[in-house]
Amino acid sequence: MGILGTIIIGFIAGVIAKFITPGSNEPSGFILTTILGIIGAFVATYLGQAMGWYGPGEGAGLIGAVVGAIIVLVVWAALSNRKSAV
């Protein structure tokens, strides 16, 4: 499935991560949350391949993508709060 599978899993992971993440009112838009979820899935895939959890052609599963999306959402919220405080 490759990149297309990662995008689909990332979309689902972004929606799930939006509900799990504390302070989930950041980011506020559905499209931005979805994009950050897809980025999280790519991050989880890259880190999983670097750590040897996934083979070269494998992508992160749903749980790994949700964890990656949560990490990206938390970082995004921290950076956006820092920018607004300055």
PDB file of N, CA and C in Angstrom:
ATOM      1  N   MET A   1       0.823  -1.183   0.000  1.00  0.00           N
ATOM      2  CA  MET A   1       0.000   0.000   0.000  1.00  0.00           C
ATOM      3  C   MET A   1       0.872   1.254   0.000  1.00  0.00           C
ATOM      4  N   GLY A   2       1.973   1.264   0.706  1.00  0.00           N
ATOM      5  CA  GLY A   2       2.944   2.339   0.628  1.00  0.00           C
ATOM      6  C   GLY A   2       2.438   3.687   1.102  1.00  0.00           C
ATOM      7  N   ILE A   3       2.692   4.689   0.293  1.00  0.00           N
ATOM      8  CA  ILE A   3       2.374   6.071   0.672  1.00  0.00           C
ATOM      9  C   ILE A   3       0.867   6.280   0.792  1.00  0.00           C
ATOM     10  N   LEU A   4       0.096   5.721  -0.112  1.00  0.00           N
ATOM     11  CA  LEU A   4      -1.365   5.879  -0.053  1.00  0.00           C
ATOM     12  C   LEU A   4      -1.926   5.292   1.241  1.00  0.00           C
ATOM     13  N   GLY A   5      -1.424   4.145   1.632  1.00  0.00           N
ATOM     14  CA  GLY A   5      -1.856   3.534   2.889  1.00  0.00           C
ATOM     15  C   GLY A   5      -1.489   4.378   4.091  1.00  0.00           C
ATOM     16  N   THR A   6      -0.291   4.967   4.058  1.00  0.00           N
ATOM     17  CA  THR A   6       0.138   5.838   5.148  1.00  0.00           C
ATOM     18  C   THR A   6      -0.746   7.071   5.236  1.00  0.00           C
ATOM     19  N   ILE A   7      -1.150   7.608   4.102  1.00  0.00           N
ATOM     20  CA  ILE A   7      -2.026   8.783   4.090  1.00  0.00           C
ATOM     21  C   ILE A   7      -3.397   8.434   4.665  1.00  0.00           C
ATOM     22  N   ILE A   8      -3.940   7.303   4.276  1.00  0.00           N
ATOM     23  CA  ILE A   8      -5.257   6.897   4.779  1.00  0.00           C
ATOM     24  C   ILE A   8      -5.196   6.618   6.276  1.00  0.00           C
ATOM     25  N   ILE A   9      -4.177   5.876   6.709  1.00  0.00           N
ATOM     26  CA  ILE A   9      -4.001   5.601   8.132  1.00  0.00           C
ATOM     27  C   ILE A   9      -3.763   6.912   8.881  1.00  0.00           C
ATOM     28  N   GLY A  10      -2.990   7.812   8.303  1.00  0.00           N
ATOM     29  CA  GLY A  10      -2.727   9.110   8.932  1.00  0.00           C
ATOM     30  C   GLY A  10      -3.980   9.941   9.092  1.00  0.00           C
ATOM     31  N   PHE A  11      -4.871   9.882   8.112  1.00  0.00           N
ATOM     32  CA  PHE A  11      -6.145  10.594   8.196  1.00  0.00           C
ATOM     33  C   PHE A  11      -6.945  10.091   9.398  1.00  0.00           C
ATOM     34  N   ILE A  12      -7.059   8.787   9.502  1.00  0.00           N
ATOM     35  CA  ILE A  12      -7.801   8.191  10.617  1.00  0.00           C
ATOM     36  C   ILE A  12      -7.097   8.484  11.942  1.00  0.00           C
ATOM     37  N   ALA A  13      -5.764   8.372  11.940  1.00  0.00           N
ATOM     38  CA  ALA A  13      -4.996   8.628  13.159  1.00  0.00           C
ATOM     39  C   ALA A  13      -5.135  10.074  13.610  1.00  0.00           C
ATOM     40  N   GLY A  14      -5.181  11.014  12.670  1.00  0.00           N
ATOM     41  CA  GLY A  14      -5.346  12.422  13.022  1.00  0.00           C
ATOM     42  C   GLY A  14      -6.671  12.691  13.702  1.00  0.00           C
ATOM     43  N   VAL A  15      -7.718  12.059  13.211  1.00  0.00           N
ATOM     44  CA  VAL A  15      -9.036  12.224  13.829  1.00  0.00           C
ATOM     45  C   VAL A  15      -9.050  11.621  15.232  1.00  0.00           C
ATOM     46  N   ILE A  16      -8.471  10.436  15.378  1.00  0.00           N
ATOM     47  CA  ILE A  16      -8.422   9.795  16.693  1.00  0.00           C
ATOM     48  C   ILE A  16      -7.563  10.615  17.648  1.00  0.00           C
ATOM     49  N   ALA A  17      -6.405  11.075  17.178  1.00  0.00           N
ATOM     50  CA  ALA A  17      -5.492  11.847  18.019  1.00  0.00           C
ATOM     51  C   ALA A  17      -6.116  13.162  18.464  1.00  0.00           C
ATOM     52  N   LYS A  18      -6.978  13.732  17.633  1.00  0.00           N
ATOM     53  CA  LYS A  18      -7.661  14.977  17.985  1.00  0.00           C
ATOM     54  C   LYS A  18      -8.509  14.785  19.247  1.00  0.00           C
ATOM     55  N   PHE A  19      -9.151  13.625  19.365  1.00  0.00           N
ATOM     56  CA  PHE A  19      -9.994  13.355  20.527  1.00  0.00           C
ATOM     57  C   PHE A  19      -9.187  12.938  21.755  1.00  0.00           C
ATOM     58  N   ILE A  20      -7.998  12.344  21.536  1.00  0.00           N
ATOM     59  CA  ILE A  20      -7.182  11.860  22.641  1.00  0.00           C
ATOM     60  C   ILE A  20      -6.303  12.956  23.230  1.00  0.00           C
ATOM     61  N   THR A  21      -5.812  13.851  22.384  1.00  0.00           N
ATOM     62  CA  THR A  21      -4.822  14.845  22.801  1.00  0.00           C
ATOM     63  C   THR A  21      -5.407  15.817  23.812  1.00  0.00           C
ATOM     64  N   PRO A  22      -4.679  16.014  24.922  1.00  0.00           N
ATOM     65  CA  PRO A  22      -5.139  17.017  25.892  1.00  0.00           C
ATOM     66  C   PRO A  22      -5.067  18.412  25.279  1.00  0.00           C
ATOM     67  N   GLY A  23      -6.033  19.254  25.606  1.00  0.00           N
ATOM     68  CA  GLY A  23      -6.107  20.585  25.002  1.00  0.00           C
ATOM     69  C   GLY A  23      -6.385  20.472  23.517  1.00  0.00           C
ATOM     70  N   SER A  24      -7.339  19.620  23.160  1.00  0.00           N
ATOM     71  CA  SER A  24      -7.565  19.289  21.752  1.00  0.00           C
ATOM     72  C   SER A  24      -8.199  20.415  20.949  1.00  0.00           C
ATOM     73  N   ASN A  25      -8.343  21.600  21.529  1.00  0.00           N
ATOM     74  CA  ASN A  25      -8.844  22.716  20.732  1.00  0.00           C
ATOM     75  C   ASN A  25      -7.740  23.308  19.859  1.00  0.00           C
ATOM     76  N   GLU A  26      -6.503  22.821  19.981  1.00  0.00           N
ATOM     77  CA  GLU A  26      -5.407  23.197  19.101  1.00  0.00           C
ATOM     78  C   GLU A  26      -5.000  21.988  18.303  1.00  0.00           C
ATOM     79  N   PRO A  27      -4.802  22.010  17.063  1.00  0.00           N
ATOM     80  CA  PRO A  27      -5.243  23.018  16.116  1.00  0.00           C
ATOM     81  C   PRO A  27      -6.749  22.941  15.930  1.00  0.00           C
ATOM     82  N   SER A  28      -7.347  24.034  15.558  1.00  0.00           N
ATOM     83  CA  SER A  28      -8.803  24.112  15.586  1.00  0.00           C
ATOM     84  C   SER A  28      -9.470  23.536  14.348  1.00  0.00           C
ATOM     85  N   GLY A  29      -8.807  23.501  13.217  1.00  0.00           N
ATOM     86  CA  GLY A  29      -9.445  23.069  11.981  1.00  0.00           C
ATOM     87  C   GLY A  29      -9.338  21.585  11.725  1.00  0.00           C
ATOM     88  N   PHE A  30     -10.374  21.029  11.144  1.00  0.00           N
ATOM     89  CA  PHE A  30     -10.411  19.603  10.825  1.00  0.00           C
ATOM     90  C   PHE A  30      -9.353  19.266   9.781  1.00  0.00           C
ATOM     91  N   ILE A  31      -9.193  20.111   8.782  1.00  0.00           N
ATOM     92  CA  ILE A  31      -8.227  19.844   7.715  1.00  0.00           C
ATOM     93  C   ILE A  31      -6.806  19.897   8.266  1.00  0.00           C
ATOM     94  N   LEU A  32      -6.521  20.885   9.108  1.00  0.00           N
ATOM     95  CA  LEU A  32      -5.191  20.983   9.703  1.00  0.00           C
ATOM     96  C   LEU A  32      -4.911  19.788  10.603  1.00  0.00           C
ATOM     97  N   THR A  33      -5.890  19.349  11.371  1.00  0.00           N
ATOM     98  CA  THR A  33      -5.719  18.169  12.214  1.00  0.00           C
ATOM     99  C   THR A  33      -5.448  16.931  11.362  1.00  0.00           C
ATOM    100  N   THR A  34      -6.149  16.808  10.254  1.00  0.00           N
ATOM    101  CA  THR A  34      -5.947  15.682   9.354  1.00  0.00           C
ATOM    102  C   THR A  34      -4.541  15.710   8.761  1.00  0.00           C
ATOM    103  N   ILE A  35      -4.093  16.886   8.339  1.00  0.00           N
ATOM    104  CA  ILE A  35      -2.754  17.015   7.770  1.00  0.00           C
ATOM    105  C   ILE A  35      -1.696  16.669   8.814  1.00  0.00           C
ATOM    106  N   LEU A  36      -1.880  17.146  10.044  1.00  0.00           N
ATOM    107  CA  LEU A  36      -0.933  16.816  11.103  1.00  0.00           C
ATOM    108  C   LEU A  36      -0.973  15.323  11.431  1.00  0.00           C
ATOM    109  N   GLY A  37      -2.136  14.695  11.317  1.00  0.00           N
ATOM    110  CA  GLY A  37      -2.235  13.245  11.505  1.00  0.00           C
ATOM    111  C   GLY A  37      -1.479  12.484  10.436  1.00  0.00           C
ATOM    112  N   ILE A  38      -1.562  12.953   9.207  1.00  0.00           N
ATOM    113  CA  ILE A  38      -0.819  12.322   8.111  1.00  0.00           C
ATOM    114  C   ILE A  38       0.678  12.497   8.335  1.00  0.00           C
ATOM    115  N   ILE A  39       1.090  13.693   8.762  1.00  0.00           N
ATOM    116  CA  ILE A  39       2.501  13.922   9.080  1.00  0.00           C
ATOM    117  C   ILE A  39       2.937  12.992  10.209  1.00  0.00           C
ATOM    118  N   GLY A  40       2.077  12.833  11.214  1.00  0.00           N
ATOM    119  CA  GLY A  40       2.372  11.924  12.316  1.00  0.00           C
ATOM    120  C   GLY A  40       2.542  10.488  11.855  1.00  0.00           C
ATOM    121  N   ALA A  41       1.743  10.067  10.896  1.00  0.00           N
ATOM    122  CA  ALA A  41       1.871   8.710  10.363  1.00  0.00           C
ATOM    123  C   ALA A  41       3.200   8.548   9.630  1.00  0.00           C
ATOM    124  N   PHE A  42       3.602   9.577   8.885  1.00  0.00           N
ATOM    125  CA  PHE A  42       4.896   9.517   8.207  1.00  0.00           C
ATOM    126  C   PHE A  42       6.044   9.518   9.220  1.00  0.00           C
ATOM    127  N   VAL A  43       5.909  10.311  10.287  1.00  0.00           N
ATOM    128  CA  VAL A  43       6.929  10.332  11.339  1.00  0.00           C
ATOM    129  C   VAL A  43       7.029   8.959  11.994  1.00  0.00           C
ATOM    130  N   ALA A  44       5.887   8.367  12.321  1.00  0.00           N
ATOM    131  CA  ALA A  44       5.878   7.039  12.943  1.00  0.00           C
ATOM    132  C   ALA A  44       6.473   5.992  12.008  1.00  0.00           C
ATOM    133  N   THR A  45       6.182   6.090  10.719  1.00  0.00           N
ATOM    134  CA  THR A  45       6.745   5.149   9.747  1.00  0.00           C
ATOM    135  C   THR A  45       8.256   5.306   9.670  1.00  0.00           C
ATOM    136  N   TYR A  46       8.717   6.554   9.581  1.00  0.00           N
ATOM    137  CA  TYR A  46      10.157   6.805   9.485  1.00  0.00           C
ATOM    138  C   TYR A  46      10.882   6.332  10.736  1.00  0.00           C
ATOM    139  N   LEU A  47      10.364   6.696  11.908  1.00  0.00           N
ATOM    140  CA  LEU A  47      11.008   6.283  13.155  1.00  0.00           C
ATOM    141  C   LEU A  47      10.966   4.771  13.341  1.00  0.00           C
ATOM    142  N   GLY A  48       9.850   4.157  12.980  1.00  0.00           N
ATOM    143  CA  GLY A  48       9.738   2.701  13.083  1.00  0.00           C
ATOM    144  C   GLY A  48      10.714   1.982  12.168  1.00  0.00           C
ATOM    145  N   GLN A  49      10.909   2.495  10.957  1.00  0.00           N
ATOM    146  CA  GLN A  49      11.878   1.895  10.046  1.00  0.00           C
ATOM    147  C   GLN A  49      13.298   2.128  10.540  1.00  0.00           C
ATOM    148  N   ALA A  50      13.563   3.312  11.106  1.00  0.00           N
ATOM    149  CA  ALA A  50      14.898   3.611  11.621  1.00  0.00           C
ATOM    150  C   ALA A  50      15.246   2.736  12.823  1.00  0.00           C
ATOM    151  N   MET A  51      14.243   2.394  13.617  1.00  0.00           N
ATOM    152  CA  MET A  51      14.477   1.569  14.802  1.00  0.00           C
ATOM    153  C   MET A  51      14.380   0.075  14.504  1.00  0.00           C
ATOM    154  N   GLY A  52      14.033  -0.272  13.281  1.00  0.00           N
ATOM    155  CA  GLY A  52      13.960  -1.672  12.894  1.00  0.00           C
ATOM    156  C   GLY A  52      12.637  -2.345  13.180  1.00  0.00           C
ATOM    157  N   TRP A  53      11.628  -1.574  13.561  1.00  0.00           N
ATOM    158  CA  TRP A  53      10.318  -2.151  13.852  1.00  0.00           C
ATOM    159  C   TRP A  53       9.566  -2.502  12.576  1.00  0.00           C
ATOM    160  N   TYR A  54       9.796  -1.728  11.510  1.00  0.00           N
ATOM    161  CA  TYR A  54       9.131  -1.958  10.228  1.00  0.00           C
ATOM    162  C   TYR A  54      10.196  -2.189   9.170  1.00  0.00           C
ATOM    163  N   GLY A  55       9.840  -3.003   8.187  1.00  0.00           N
ATOM    164  CA  GLY A  55      10.737  -3.239   7.067  1.00  0.00           C
ATOM    165  C   GLY A  55      10.731  -2.056   6.115  1.00  0.00           C
ATOM    166  N   PRO A  56      11.579  -2.092   5.090  1.00  0.00           N
ATOM    167  CA  PRO A  56      11.682  -0.967   4.161  1.00  0.00           C
ATOM    168  C   PRO A  56      10.372  -0.612   3.462  1.00  0.00           C
ATOM    169  N   GLY A  57       9.522  -1.558   3.162  1.00  0.00           N
ATOM    170  CA  GLY A  57       8.276  -1.274   2.467  1.00  0.00           C
ATOM    171  C   GLY A  57       7.072  -1.142   3.379  1.00  0.00           C
ATOM    172  N   GLU A  58       7.268  -1.343   4.680  1.00  0.00           N
ATOM    173  CA  GLU A  58       6.148  -1.334   5.619  1.00  0.00           C
ATOM    174  C   GLU A  58       5.928   0.063   6.188  1.00  0.00           C
ATOM    175  N   GLY A  59       4.679   0.353   6.485  1.00  0.00           N
ATOM    176  CA  GLY A  59       4.329   1.602   7.137  1.00  0.00           C
ATOM    177  C   GLY A  59       3.859   1.353   8.546  1.00  0.00           C
ATOM    178  N   ALA A  60       3.698   2.433   9.275  1.00  0.00           N
ATOM    179  CA  ALA A  60       3.211   2.325  10.655  1.00  0.00           C
ATOM    180  C   ALA A  60       1.769   1.844  10.640  1.00  0.00           C
ATOM    181  N   GLY A  61       1.418   1.044  11.614  1.00  0.00           N
ATOM    182  CA  GLY A  61       0.040   0.612  11.777  1.00  0.00           C
ATOM    183  C   GLY A  61      -0.776   1.733  12.400  1.00  0.00           C
ATOM    184  N   LEU A  62      -2.007   1.454  12.664  1.00  0.00           N
ATOM    185  CA  LEU A  62      -2.904   2.475  13.195  1.00  0.00           C
ATOM    186  C   LEU A  62      -2.432   2.971  14.563  1.00  0.00           C
ATOM    187  N   ILE A  63      -2.015   2.078  15.426  1.00  0.00           N
ATOM    188  CA  ILE A  63      -1.584   2.497  16.766  1.00  0.00           C
ATOM    189  C   ILE A  63      -0.330   3.358  16.674  1.00  0.00           C
ATOM    190  N   GLY A  64       0.636   2.938  15.876  1.00  0.00           N
ATOM    191  CA  GLY A  64       1.851   3.727  15.692  1.00  0.00           C
ATOM    192  C   GLY A  64       1.554   5.086  15.084  1.00  0.00           C
ATOM    193  N   ALA A  65       0.632   5.120  14.130  1.00  0.00           N
ATOM    194  CA  ALA A  65       0.266   6.384  13.499  1.00  0.00           C
ATOM    195  C   ALA A  65      -0.453   7.307  14.479  1.00  0.00           C
ATOM    196  N   VAL A  66      -1.295   6.744  15.339  1.00  0.00           N
ATOM    197  CA  VAL A  66      -1.978   7.565  16.348  1.00  0.00           C
ATOM    198  C   VAL A  66      -0.957   8.155  17.314  1.00  0.00           C
ATOM    199  N   VAL A  67       0.009   7.349  17.736  1.00  0.00           N
ATOM    200  CA  VAL A  67       1.056   7.858  18.631  1.00  0.00           C
ATOM    201  C   VAL A  67       1.853   8.960  17.934  1.00  0.00           C
ATOM    202  N   GLY A  68       2.220   8.740  16.681  1.00  0.00           N
ATOM    203  CA  GLY A  68       2.933   9.772  15.918  1.00  0.00           C
ATOM    204  C   GLY A  68       2.104  11.033  15.755  1.00  0.00           C
ATOM    205  N   ALA A  69       0.814  10.881  15.507  1.00  0.00           N
ATOM    206  CA  ALA A  69      -0.067  12.037  15.353  1.00  0.00           C
ATOM    207  C   ALA A  69      -0.220  12.797  16.657  1.00  0.00           C
ATOM    208  N   ILE A  70      -0.296  12.080  17.767  1.00  0.00           N
ATOM    209  CA  ILE A  70      -0.389  12.741  19.077  1.00  0.00           C
ATOM    210  C   ILE A  70       0.876  13.549  19.336  1.00  0.00           C
ATOM    211  N   ILE A  71       2.030  12.966  19.030  1.00  0.00           N
ATOM    212  CA  ILE A  71       3.292  13.682  19.215  1.00  0.00           C
ATOM    213  C   ILE A  71       3.315  14.957  18.373  1.00  0.00           C
ATOM    214  N   VAL A  72       2.919  14.842  17.114  1.00  0.00           N
ATOM    215  CA  VAL A  72       2.913  16.019  16.232  1.00  0.00           C
ATOM    216  C   VAL A  72       1.907  17.062  16.726  1.00  0.00           C
ATOM    217  N   LEU A  73       0.731  16.640  17.177  1.00  0.00           N
ATOM    218  CA  LEU A  73      -0.268  17.583  17.680  1.00  0.00           C
ATOM    219  C   LEU A  73       0.209  18.297  18.944  1.00  0.00           C
ATOM    220  N   VAL A  74       0.879  17.571  19.831  1.00  0.00           N
ATOM    221  CA  VAL A  74       1.393  18.189  21.059  1.00  0.00           C
ATOM    222  C   VAL A  74       2.487  19.198  20.721  1.00  0.00           C
ATOM    223  N   VAL A  75       3.393  18.829  19.813  1.00  0.00           N
ATOM    224  CA  VAL A  75       4.446  19.762  19.398  1.00  0.00           C
ATOM    225  C   VAL A  75       3.830  20.984  18.729  1.00  0.00           C
ATOM    226  N   TRP A  76       2.839  20.773  17.865  1.00  0.00           N
ATOM    227  CA  TRP A  76       2.167  21.880  17.181  1.00  0.00           C
ATOM    228  C   TRP A  76       1.514  22.825  18.192  1.00  0.00           C
ATOM    229  N   ALA A  77       0.833  22.258  19.176  1.00  0.00           N
ATOM    230  CA  ALA A  77       0.166  23.086  20.187  1.00  0.00           C
ATOM    231  C   ALA A  77       1.190  23.874  21.000  1.00  0.00           C
ATOM    232  N   ALA A  78       2.319  23.227  21.338  1.00  0.00           N
ATOM    233  CA  ALA A  78       3.356  23.918  22.110  1.00  0.00           C
ATOM    234  C   ALA A  78       3.971  25.054  21.301  1.00  0.00           C
ATOM    235  N   LEU A  79       4.218  24.812  20.030  1.00  0.00           N
ATOM    236  CA  LEU A  79       4.799  25.865  19.194  1.00  0.00           C
ATOM    237  C   LEU A  79       3.815  26.997  18.947  1.00  0.00           C
ATOM    238  N   SER A  80       2.548  26.672  18.747  1.00  0.00           N
ATOM    239  CA  SER A  80       1.570  27.735  18.492  1.00  0.00           C
ATOM    240  C   SER A  80       1.309  28.545  19.742  1.00  0.00           C
ATOM    241  N   ASN A  81       1.363  27.919  20.924  1.00  0.00           N
ATOM    242  CA  ASN A  81       1.211  28.671  22.171  1.00  0.00           C
ATOM    243  C   ASN A  81       2.420  29.561  22.417  1.00  0.00           C
ATOM    244  N   ARG A  82       3.591  29.084  22.057  1.00  0.00           N
ATOM    245  CA  ARG A  82       4.808  29.871  22.230  1.00  0.00           C
ATOM    246  C   ARG A  82       4.811  31.082  21.302  1.00  0.00           C
ATOM    247  N   LYS A  83       4.334  30.910  20.071  1.00  0.00           N
ATOM    248  CA  LYS A  83       4.269  32.032  19.140  1.00  0.00           C
ATOM    249  C   LYS A  83       3.279  33.093  19.597  1.00  0.00           C
ATOM    250  N   SER A  84       2.158  32.656  20.151  1.00  0.00           N
ATOM    251  CA  SER A  84       1.145  33.624  20.596  1.00  0.00           C
ATOM    252  C   SER A  84       1.572  34.356  21.859  1.00  0.00           C
ATOM    253  N   ALA A  85       2.469  33.753  22.647  1.00  0.00           N
ATOM    254  CA  ALA A  85       2.941  34.404  23.871  1.00  0.00           C
ATOM    255  C   ALA A  85       3.991  35.477  23.570  1.00  0.00           C
ATOM    256  N   VAL A  86       4.630  35.373  22.423  1.00  0.00           N
ATOM    257  CA  VAL A  86       5.690  36.336  22.066  1.00  0.00           C
ATOM    258  C   VAL A  86       5.132  37.575  21.509  1.00  0.00           C
TER     259      VAL A  86
END
